[in-house]
């Protein structure tokens, strides 16, 4: 649906261009902040719920496809950020992840709109 599209590849490139946000961050095991991966899961989940709510005409199979795609995206993000996913999240990282999750939502919105206009 979206992970095989150029837009997704561009988003992964965008992430890799901003990896410095995730490097050299001190790891504080006593921090009460959520981890990077917890934040990614929460933000992506929120955006995908929005996609489904805004597109109530999606079939069960289409929703399942979206869930599988999000699982694939999470896997990619865990691979790219593997050395830092369990670190507490910083304010800068949170801002980036919110923006990234919104861009992922936009990919789904575009794909759904192009499918519906056929």
Protein backbone atom coordinates (compact mmCIF):
# COMPACT_ATOMS: atom_id res chain seq x y z
CA UNK A 1 0.00 0.00 0.00
CA UNK A 2 2.56 2.67 1.06
CA UNK A 3 5.78 0.85 1.98
CA UNK A 4 6.39 -0.02 -1.65
CA UNK A 5 5.94 3.56 -2.87
CA UNK A 6 8.55 6.25 -3.58
CA UNK A 7 7.03 8.50 -0.93
CA UNK A 8 7.89 5.98 1.77
CA UNK A 9 11.47 5.70 0.51
CA UNK A 10 11.72 9.49 0.66
CA UNK A 11 10.48 9.43 4.26
CA UNK A 12 13.10 6.84 5.20
CA UNK A 13 15.74 9.04 3.56
CA UNK A 14 14.36 11.98 5.53
CA UNK A 15 14.74 9.97 8.72
CA UNK A 16 18.31 9.00 7.91
CA UNK A 17 19.14 12.64 7.17
CA UNK A 18 18.01 13.43 10.73
CA UNK A 19 19.67 10.54 12.56
CA UNK A 20 21.89 13.03 14.34
CA UNK A 21 18.84 13.84 16.49
CA UNK A 22 19.12 10.34 17.90
CA UNK A 23 22.89 10.08 18.21
CA UNK A 24 25.03 10.97 21.18
CA UNK A 25 22.05 11.34 23.46
CA UNK A 26 22.83 10.45 27.06
CA UNK A 27 21.02 7.32 28.20
CA UNK A 28 19.57 7.80 31.64
CA UNK A 29 18.24 4.49 32.98
CA UNK A 30 16.36 6.29 35.75
CA UNK A 31 14.48 8.61 33.42
CA UNK A 32 10.69 8.60 33.64
CA UNK A 33 10.32 9.72 30.02
CA UNK A 34 8.84 7.19 27.64
CA UNK A 35 11.30 5.42 25.38
CA UNK A 36 11.79 6.37 21.76
CA UNK A 37 10.06 3.21 20.56
CA UNK A 38 7.10 3.71 22.91
CA UNK A 39 6.70 7.21 21.53
CA UNK A 40 6.94 6.04 17.93
CA UNK A 41 4.29 3.38 18.57
CA UNK A 42 2.00 5.88 20.26
CA UNK A 43 2.35 8.60 17.62
CA UNK A 44 1.99 6.21 14.67
CA UNK A 45 -0.96 4.52 16.34
CA UNK A 46 -2.67 7.84 16.88
CA UNK A 47 -2.20 8.87 13.26
CA UNK A 48 -3.40 5.54 11.89
CA UNK A 49 -6.50 5.72 14.07
CA UNK A 50 -7.09 9.14 12.52
CA UNK A 51 -6.73 7.64 9.03
CA UNK A 52 -9.34 5.00 9.82
CA UNK A 53 -11.71 7.46 11.48
CA UNK A 54 -11.47 9.87 8.56
CA UNK A 55 -12.09 7.06 6.09
CA UNK A 56 -15.03 5.22 7.56
CA UNK A 57 -15.71 3.60 4.19
CA UNK A 58 -12.56 1.44 4.46
CA UNK A 59 -13.30 -2.26 4.29
CA UNK A 60 -12.14 -4.74 6.89
CA UNK A 61 -9.47 -5.98 4.47
CA UNK A 62 -8.24 -2.46 3.78
CA UNK A 63 -7.94 -1.77 7.50
CA UNK A 64 -6.01 -5.02 7.94
CA UNK A 65 -3.68 -4.00 5.12
CA UNK A 66 -3.07 -0.68 6.87
CA UNK A 67 -2.27 -2.46 10.15
CA UNK A 68 0.19 -4.78 8.36
CA UNK A 69 1.81 -1.79 6.71
CA UNK A 70 2.18 -0.01 10.04
CA UNK A 71 3.79 -3.14 11.50
CA UNK A 72 6.25 -3.09 8.62
CA UNK A 73 6.96 0.61 9.17
CA UNK A 74 7.55 0.00 12.89
CA UNK A 75 9.94 -2.81 12.03
CA UNK A 76 11.88 -0.50 9.67
CA UNK A 77 12.07 2.22 12.30
CA UNK A 78 13.25 -0.24 14.94
CA UNK A 79 15.97 -1.42 12.58
CA UNK A 80 17.14 2.08 11.71
CA UNK A 81 17.08 3.28 15.32
CA UNK A 82 18.06 -0.07 16.88
CA UNK A 83 20.82 1.32 19.10
CA UNK A 84 18.62 3.98 20.67
CA UNK A 85 15.01 2.72 20.64
CA UNK A 86 15.00 2.03 24.36
CA UNK A 87 16.49 5.38 25.34
CA UNK A 88 14.26 8.02 26.92
CA UNK A 89 12.93 10.46 24.38
CA UNK A 90 14.10 14.07 24.23
CA UNK A 91 11.96 17.06 23.33
CA UNK A 92 13.66 17.39 19.93
CA UNK A 93 13.15 13.72 19.17
CA UNK A 94 9.50 13.94 20.17
CA UNK A 95 8.94 16.83 17.78
CA UNK A 96 10.60 14.93 14.96
CA UNK A 97 8.64 11.73 15.65
CA UNK A 98 5.34 13.65 15.72
CA UNK A 99 6.19 15.20 12.36
CA UNK A 100 7.32 11.85 10.94
CA UNK A 101 4.11 10.10 12.08
CA UNK A 102 2.05 12.84 10.45
CA UNK A 103 3.98 12.36 7.20
CA UNK A 104 3.24 8.63 7.37
CA UNK A 105 -0.45 9.47 7.85
CA UNK A 106 -0.25 11.71 4.79
CA UNK A 107 1.11 8.79 2.75
CA UNK A 108 -1.86 6.66 3.76
CA UNK A 109 -4.29 9.52 3.07
CA UNK A 110 -2.83 10.00 -0.41
CA UNK A 111 -2.97 6.30 -1.19
CA UNK A 112 -6.56 5.99 0.04
CA UNK A 113 -7.62 9.09 -1.92
CA UNK A 114 -6.00 7.83 -5.11
CA UNK A 115 -7.68 4.44 -4.64
CA UNK A 116 -11.07 6.07 -4.02
CA UNK A 117 -10.79 8.30 -7.08
CA UNK A 118 -10.38 5.33 -9.44
